[in-house]
Amino acid sequence: QVQLVESGGGSVQAGGSLRLSCAASGDTYSSYCMGWFRQAPGKEREGVAGIDSDGSTSYADSVKGRFTISKDNAKNTLYLQMNSLKPEDTAMYYCAAAAAYGLGTPLDKYEYNYWGQGTQVTVSS
């Protein structure tokens, strides 16, 4: 079992930056695959970034070059550095964990077993 708690959301103007954090507790965090997802009102939850247990990363095309996912195993914390934010990045952001990836991709929400409660990001133009 893994418990996840996100923080760091807020309101920023377009072009600004935010860093989201996800504190994990419970099972062996360092061996887990982790991901960030987001969901805007009326839209499906979509994968933003994923990081495998070996540190390899994946990004949605819409955030490549602007967002960076990282994890600090010593602190049991996952991060999402978001730069050059756009109004279309406005959403509730969730972190997620999986013991291992199956047949899907790191951006596939069905690959993840554990979810945080989310943190709101609002970007104004």
N, C-alpha and C. Protein backbone atom coordinates (compact mmCIF):
# COMPACT_ATOMS: atom_id res chain seq x y z
N GLN A 1 0.84 -1.21 0.00
CA GLN A 1 0.00 0.00 0.00
C GLN A 1 0.86 1.25 0.00
N VAL A 2 0.44 2.22 -0.76
CA VAL A 2 1.14 3.50 -0.83
C VAL A 2 0.12 4.61 -0.62
N GLN A 3 0.46 5.57 0.23
CA GLN A 3 -0.39 6.74 0.41
C GLN A 3 0.30 7.93 -0.23
N LEU A 4 -0.46 8.74 -0.96
CA LEU A 4 0.09 9.86 -1.71
C LEU A 4 -0.61 11.15 -1.35
N VAL A 5 0.18 12.20 -1.11
CA VAL A 5 -0.39 13.51 -0.79
C VAL A 5 0.30 14.58 -1.63
N GLU A 6 -0.47 15.24 -2.50
CA GLU A 6 0.06 16.28 -3.36
C GLU A 6 0.02 17.64 -2.67
N SER A 7 0.92 18.51 -3.10
CA SER A 7 0.94 19.91 -2.64
C SER A 7 1.62 20.76 -3.70
N GLY A 8 1.52 22.07 -3.55
CA GLY A 8 2.23 22.97 -4.43
C GLY A 8 1.39 23.63 -5.50
N GLY A 9 0.12 23.27 -5.59
CA GLY A 9 -0.74 23.90 -6.58
C GLY A 9 -1.02 25.35 -6.21
N GLY A 10 -1.64 26.07 -7.14
CA GLY A 10 -1.96 27.46 -6.87
C GLY A 10 -2.39 28.16 -8.14
N SER A 11 -2.45 29.48 -8.07
CA SER A 11 -2.85 30.30 -9.20
C SER A 11 -1.66 31.11 -9.68
N VAL A 12 -1.39 31.07 -10.97
CA VAL A 12 -0.29 31.82 -11.56
C VAL A 12 -0.75 32.43 -12.87
N GLN A 13 0.01 33.40 -13.34
CA GLN A 13 -0.26 33.97 -14.65
C GLN A 13 0.46 33.15 -15.71
N ALA A 14 -0.03 33.25 -16.92
CA ALA A 14 0.59 32.56 -18.04
C ALA A 14 2.07 32.94 -18.13
N GLY A 15 2.90 31.93 -18.38
CA GLY A 15 4.33 32.14 -18.42
C GLY A 15 5.03 31.87 -17.11
N GLY A 16 4.25 31.73 -16.05
CA GLY A 16 4.82 31.49 -14.73
C GLY A 16 5.18 30.04 -14.50
N SER A 17 5.64 29.76 -13.28
CA SER A 17 6.09 28.42 -12.92
C SER A 17 5.49 27.99 -11.59
N LEU A 18 5.35 26.68 -11.45
CA LEU A 18 4.95 26.06 -10.19
C LEU A 18 5.71 24.75 -10.06
N ARG A 19 5.93 24.33 -8.83
CA ARG A 19 6.49 22.99 -8.59
C ARG A 19 5.53 22.23 -7.69
N LEU A 20 5.02 21.13 -8.22
CA LEU A 20 4.16 20.25 -7.45
C LEU A 20 5.00 19.19 -6.75
N SER A 21 4.55 18.82 -5.55
CA SER A 21 5.21 17.75 -4.81
C SER A 21 4.18 16.69 -4.46
N CYS A 22 4.66 15.47 -4.34
CA CYS A 22 3.80 14.35 -3.95
C CYS A 22 4.57 13.53 -2.92
N ALA A 23 4.13 13.62 -1.67
CA ALA A 23 4.78 12.88 -0.59
C ALA A 23 4.17 11.49 -0.51
N ALA A 24 5.03 10.48 -0.52
CA ALA A 24 4.57 9.09 -0.49
C ALA A 24 4.95 8.43 0.82
N SER A 25 4.09 7.57 1.28
CA SER A 25 4.38 6.80 2.48
C SER A 25 3.80 5.41 2.31
N GLY A 26 4.32 4.47 3.10
CA GLY A 26 3.79 3.12 3.02
C GLY A 26 4.83 2.15 2.50
N ASP A 27 4.54 1.57 1.36
CA ASP A 27 5.36 0.50 0.81
C ASP A 27 6.69 1.02 0.28
N THR A 28 7.45 0.18 -0.39
CA THR A 28 8.79 0.51 -0.87
C THR A 28 8.69 1.50 -2.02
N TYR A 29 8.72 2.78 -1.68
CA TYR A 29 8.49 3.85 -2.65
C TYR A 29 9.49 3.82 -3.80
N SER A 30 10.76 3.59 -3.48
CA SER A 30 11.81 3.73 -4.50
C SER A 30 11.63 2.76 -5.65
N SER A 31 10.94 1.66 -5.43
CA SER A 31 10.78 0.68 -6.50
C SER A 31 9.53 0.92 -7.34
N TYR A 32 8.74 1.90 -6.98
CA TYR A 32 7.48 2.14 -7.66
C TYR A 32 7.65 3.01 -8.91
N CYS A 33 6.76 2.80 -9.86
CA CYS A 33 6.63 3.68 -11.01
C CYS A 33 5.65 4.78 -10.60
N MET A 34 5.95 6.01 -10.97
CA MET A 34 5.15 7.15 -10.54
C MET A 34 4.72 8.00 -11.72
N GLY A 35 3.62 8.68 -11.55
CA GLY A 35 3.14 9.52 -12.64
C GLY A 35 2.37 10.72 -12.15
N TRP A 36 2.28 11.72 -13.00
CA TRP A 36 1.42 12.88 -12.78
C TRP A 36 0.34 12.89 -13.85
N PHE A 37 -0.87 13.14 -13.40
CA PHE A 37 -2.02 13.23 -14.28
C PHE A 37 -2.76 14.53 -14.00
N ARG A 38 -3.63 14.92 -14.92
CA ARG A 38 -4.44 16.10 -14.68
C ARG A 38 -5.83 15.90 -15.28
N GLN A 39 -6.76 16.61 -14.69
CA GLN A 39 -8.14 16.53 -15.16
C GLN A 39 -8.79 17.89 -15.06
N ALA A 40 -9.19 18.40 -16.20
CA ALA A 40 -9.92 19.66 -16.28
C ALA A 40 -11.41 19.36 -16.23
N PRO A 41 -12.23 20.32 -15.81
CA PRO A 41 -13.68 20.08 -15.74
C PRO A 41 -14.24 19.62 -17.08
N GLY A 42 -15.01 18.54 -17.04
CA GLY A 42 -15.64 18.03 -18.23
C GLY A 42 -14.73 17.24 -19.15
N LYS A 43 -13.50 17.02 -18.73
CA LYS A 43 -12.54 16.29 -19.57
C LYS A 43 -12.06 15.02 -18.87
N GLU A 44 -11.51 14.12 -19.69
CA GLU A 44 -10.94 12.89 -19.15
C GLU A 44 -9.64 13.20 -18.40
N ARG A 45 -9.33 12.35 -17.44
CA ARG A 45 -8.03 12.45 -16.78
C ARG A 45 -6.95 12.03 -17.78
N GLU A 46 -5.92 12.86 -17.93
CA GLU A 46 -4.88 12.58 -18.90
C GLU A 46 -3.51 12.51 -18.26
N GLY A 47 -2.66 11.68 -18.82
CA GLY A 47 -1.30 11.55 -18.33
C GLY A 47 -0.46 12.75 -18.72
N VAL A 48 0.32 13.25 -17.79
CA VAL A 48 1.19 14.39 -18.03
C VAL A 48 2.64 13.93 -18.11
N ALA A 49 3.07 13.16 -17.13
CA ALA A 49 4.45 12.69 -17.08
C ALA A 49 4.52 11.43 -16.22
N GLY A 50 5.47 10.58 -16.55
CA GLY A 50 5.68 9.36 -15.78
C GLY A 50 7.16 9.10 -15.59
N ILE A 51 7.50 8.42 -14.50
CA ILE A 51 8.89 8.07 -14.24
C ILE A 51 8.94 6.64 -13.73
N ASP A 52 9.75 5.83 -14.41
CA ASP A 52 9.85 4.42 -14.08
C ASP A 52 10.78 4.24 -12.89
N SER A 53 10.82 3.03 -12.35
CA SER A 53 11.67 2.76 -11.20
C SER A 53 13.15 2.93 -11.53
N ASP A 54 13.50 2.84 -12.82
CA ASP A 54 14.91 3.03 -13.20
C ASP A 54 15.22 4.49 -13.56
N GLY A 55 14.23 5.37 -13.41
CA GLY A 55 14.45 6.78 -13.65
C GLY A 55 14.11 7.26 -15.04
N SER A 56 13.74 6.37 -15.92
CA SER A 56 13.38 6.80 -17.27
C SER A 56 12.04 7.55 -17.23
N THR A 57 11.92 8.58 -18.06
CA THR A 57 10.77 9.47 -18.01
C THR A 57 9.99 9.49 -19.32
N SER A 58 8.72 9.84 -19.20
CA SER A 58 7.85 10.00 -20.36
C SER A 58 7.02 11.25 -20.15
N TYR A 59 6.71 11.95 -21.26
CA TYR A 59 5.94 13.18 -21.17
C TYR A 59 4.87 13.21 -22.25
N ALA A 60 3.75 13.83 -21.92
CA ALA A 60 2.76 14.12 -22.94
C ALA A 60 3.33 15.17 -23.88
N ASP A 61 2.96 15.10 -25.15
CA ASP A 61 3.48 16.06 -26.13
C ASP A 61 3.17 17.50 -25.72
N SER A 62 2.04 17.70 -25.08
CA SER A 62 1.61 19.05 -24.74
C SER A 62 2.48 19.71 -23.67
N VAL A 63 3.29 18.92 -22.96
CA VAL A 63 4.10 19.50 -21.88
C VAL A 63 5.60 19.32 -22.10
N LYS A 64 5.98 18.61 -23.15
CA LYS A 64 7.41 18.38 -23.40
C LYS A 64 8.15 19.70 -23.53
N GLY A 65 9.29 19.76 -22.86
CA GLY A 65 10.10 20.97 -22.90
C GLY A 65 9.70 22.01 -21.87
N ARG A 66 8.54 21.82 -21.24
CA ARG A 66 8.06 22.77 -20.23
C ARG A 66 7.99 22.15 -18.84
N PHE A 67 7.64 20.89 -18.75
CA PHE A 67 7.48 20.20 -17.47
C PHE A 67 8.60 19.20 -17.28
N THR A 68 8.99 19.00 -16.02
CA THR A 68 10.01 18.01 -15.69
C THR A 68 9.56 17.21 -14.47
N ILE A 69 9.55 15.89 -14.62
CA ILE A 69 9.21 15.01 -13.51
C ILE A 69 10.49 14.50 -12.89
N SER A 70 10.51 14.40 -11.56
CA SER A 70 11.68 13.86 -10.87
C SER A 70 11.23 13.26 -9.55
N LYS A 71 12.09 12.45 -8.98
CA LYS A 71 11.76 11.86 -7.69
C LYS A 71 12.99 11.83 -6.79
N ASP A 72 12.77 12.03 -5.53
CA ASP A 72 13.82 11.97 -4.54
C ASP A 72 13.50 10.78 -3.64
N ASN A 73 14.20 9.68 -3.86
CA ASN A 73 13.89 8.47 -3.10
C ASN A 73 14.20 8.62 -1.61
N ALA A 74 15.20 9.42 -1.28
CA ALA A 74 15.56 9.62 0.13
C ALA A 74 14.44 10.34 0.88
N LYS A 75 13.71 11.20 0.16
CA LYS A 75 12.63 11.97 0.78
C LYS A 75 11.26 11.38 0.47
N ASN A 76 11.23 10.28 -0.28
CA ASN A 76 9.95 9.67 -0.69
C ASN A 76 9.03 10.69 -1.33
N THR A 77 9.58 11.50 -2.21
CA THR A 77 8.81 12.59 -2.81
C THR A 77 8.98 12.62 -4.32
N LEU A 78 7.87 12.82 -4.99
CA LEU A 78 7.82 12.99 -6.44
C LEU A 78 7.56 14.46 -6.72
N TYR A 79 8.19 14.98 -7.78
CA TYR A 79 8.03 16.39 -8.13
C TYR A 79 7.57 16.54 -9.57
N LEU A 80 6.93 17.67 -9.83
CA LEU A 80 6.64 18.07 -11.21
C LEU A 80 6.94 19.56 -11.30
N GLN A 81 8.04 19.89 -11.94
CA GLN A 81 8.39 21.29 -12.19
C GLN A 81 7.69 21.73 -13.45
N MET A 82 6.88 22.77 -13.35
CA MET A 82 6.09 23.24 -14.48
C MET A 82 6.51 24.67 -14.80
N ASN A 83 7.06 24.86 -15.98
CA ASN A 83 7.50 26.18 -16.44
C ASN A 83 6.67 26.60 -17.65
N SER A 84 6.73 27.88 -17.97
CA SER A 84 6.02 28.42 -19.14
C SER A 84 4.57 27.96 -19.15
N LEU A 85 3.92 28.11 -18.03
CA LEU A 85 2.54 27.62 -17.90
C LEU A 85 1.59 28.37 -18.82
N LYS A 86 0.60 27.63 -19.31
CA LYS A 86 -0.40 28.17 -20.22
C LYS A 86 -1.79 28.02 -19.60
N PRO A 87 -2.75 28.82 -20.00
CA PRO A 87 -4.11 28.66 -19.47
C PRO A 87 -4.65 27.25 -19.65
N GLU A 88 -4.27 26.60 -20.73
CA GLU A 88 -4.76 25.23 -20.98
C GLU A 88 -4.15 24.20 -20.03
N ASP A 89 -3.18 24.60 -19.22
CA ASP A 89 -2.64 23.71 -18.19
C ASP A 89 -3.51 23.70 -16.93
N THR A 90 -4.51 24.55 -16.90
CA THR A 90 -5.40 24.62 -15.74
C THR A 90 -6.14 23.30 -15.56
N ALA A 91 -6.01 22.72 -14.37
CA ALA A 91 -6.63 21.43 -14.07
C ALA A 91 -6.33 21.05 -12.63
N MET A 92 -6.98 19.98 -12.19
CA MET A 92 -6.60 19.33 -10.94
C MET A 92 -5.49 18.35 -11.30
N TYR A 93 -4.40 18.41 -10.57
CA TYR A 93 -3.27 17.53 -10.83
C TYR A 93 -3.18 16.45 -9.75
N TYR A 94 -2.97 15.23 -10.22
CA TYR A 94 -2.91 14.08 -9.33
C TYR A 94 -1.59 13.33 -9.52
N CYS A 95 -1.04 12.83 -8.42
CA CYS A 95 0.07 11.91 -8.58
C CYS A 95 -0.46 10.49 -8.39
N ALA A 96 0.25 9.55 -8.97
CA ALA A 96 -0.18 8.16 -8.96
C ALA A 96 1.03 7.25 -8.86
N ALA A 97 0.80 6.04 -8.35
CA ALA A 97 1.89 5.08 -8.18
C ALA A 97 1.45 3.70 -8.65
N ALA A 98 2.42 2.95 -9.14
CA ALA A 98 2.18 1.58 -9.57
C ALA A 98 3.39 0.73 -9.20
N ALA A 99 3.15 -0.49 -8.75
CA ALA A 99 4.26 -1.37 -8.40
C ALA A 99 5.11 -1.68 -9.64
N ALA A 100 4.47 -1.74 -10.79
CA ALA A 100 5.17 -1.98 -12.04
C ALA A 100 4.23 -1.63 -13.18
N TYR A 101 4.79 -1.27 -14.32
CA TYR A 101 3.96 -1.04 -15.49
C TYR A 101 3.62 -2.38 -16.14
N GLY A 102 2.38 -2.42 -16.66
CA GLY A 102 1.96 -3.62 -17.37
C GLY A 102 2.16 -3.45 -18.86
N LEU A 103 1.09 -3.66 -19.61
CA LEU A 103 1.17 -3.56 -21.06
C LEU A 103 0.95 -2.15 -21.58
N GLY A 104 0.52 -1.23 -20.70
CA GLY A 104 0.27 0.13 -21.12
C GLY A 104 1.52 0.99 -21.06
N THR A 105 1.32 2.29 -21.22
CA THR A 105 2.43 3.24 -21.17
C THR A 105 2.42 3.97 -19.82
N PRO A 106 3.50 4.65 -19.48
CA PRO A 106 3.53 5.40 -18.21
C PRO A 106 2.49 6.52 -18.14
N LEU A 107 1.88 6.87 -19.26
CA LEU A 107 0.88 7.93 -19.27
C LEU A 107 -0.55 7.37 -19.30
N ASP A 108 -0.67 6.08 -19.12
CA ASP A 108 -1.96 5.40 -19.14
C ASP A 108 -2.47 5.29 -17.70
N LYS A 109 -3.60 5.94 -17.42
CA LYS A 109 -4.09 5.97 -16.04
C LYS A 109 -4.43 4.58 -15.53
N TYR A 110 -4.74 3.64 -16.39
CA TYR A 110 -5.11 2.30 -15.97
C TYR A 110 -3.90 1.50 -15.47
N GLU A 111 -2.70 2.03 -15.66
CA GLU A 111 -1.49 1.36 -15.18
C GLU A 111 -1.26 1.59 -13.69
N TYR A 112 -1.99 2.53 -13.10
CA TYR A 112 -1.69 2.96 -11.73
C TYR A 112 -2.74 2.46 -10.74
N ASN A 113 -2.24 2.04 -9.56
CA ASN A 113 -3.12 1.48 -8.54
C ASN A 113 -3.45 2.47 -7.43
N TYR A 114 -2.56 3.43 -7.21
CA TYR A 114 -2.70 4.33 -6.07
C TYR A 114 -2.73 5.77 -6.55
N TRP A 115 -3.60 6.56 -5.94
CA TRP A 115 -3.81 7.94 -6.36
C TRP A 115 -3.87 8.86 -5.15
N GLY A 116 -3.35 10.08 -5.34
CA GLY A 116 -3.53 11.12 -4.36
C GLY A 116 -4.87 11.81 -4.57
N GLN A 117 -5.14 12.81 -3.73
CA GLN A 117 -6.42 13.50 -3.80
C GLN A 117 -6.39 14.72 -4.72
N GLY A 118 -5.22 15.10 -5.17
CA GLY A 118 -5.11 16.16 -6.16
C GLY A 118 -4.78 17.53 -5.58
N THR A 119 -4.21 18.36 -6.43
CA THR A 119 -3.93 19.76 -6.09
C THR A 119 -4.28 20.60 -7.31
N GLN A 120 -4.97 21.72 -7.08
CA GLN A 120 -5.49 22.53 -8.18
C GLN A 120 -4.42 23.48 -8.72
N VAL A 121 -4.33 23.52 -10.03
CA VAL A 121 -3.46 24.49 -10.72
C VAL A 121 -4.33 25.34 -11.62
N THR A 122 -4.24 26.65 -11.46
CA THR A 122 -5.02 27.57 -12.27
C THR A 122 -4.07 28.58 -12.92
N VAL A 123 -4.12 28.66 -14.24
CA VAL A 123 -3.25 29.57 -14.98
C VAL A 123 -4.12 30.59 -15.69
N SER A 124 -3.89 31.85 -15.39
CA SER A 124 -4.69 32.92 -15.99
C SER A 124 -3.92 33.59 -17.12
N SER A 125 -4.66 34.08 -18.08
CA SER A 125 -4.02 34.72 -19.25
C SER A 125 -3.79 36.20 -19.02
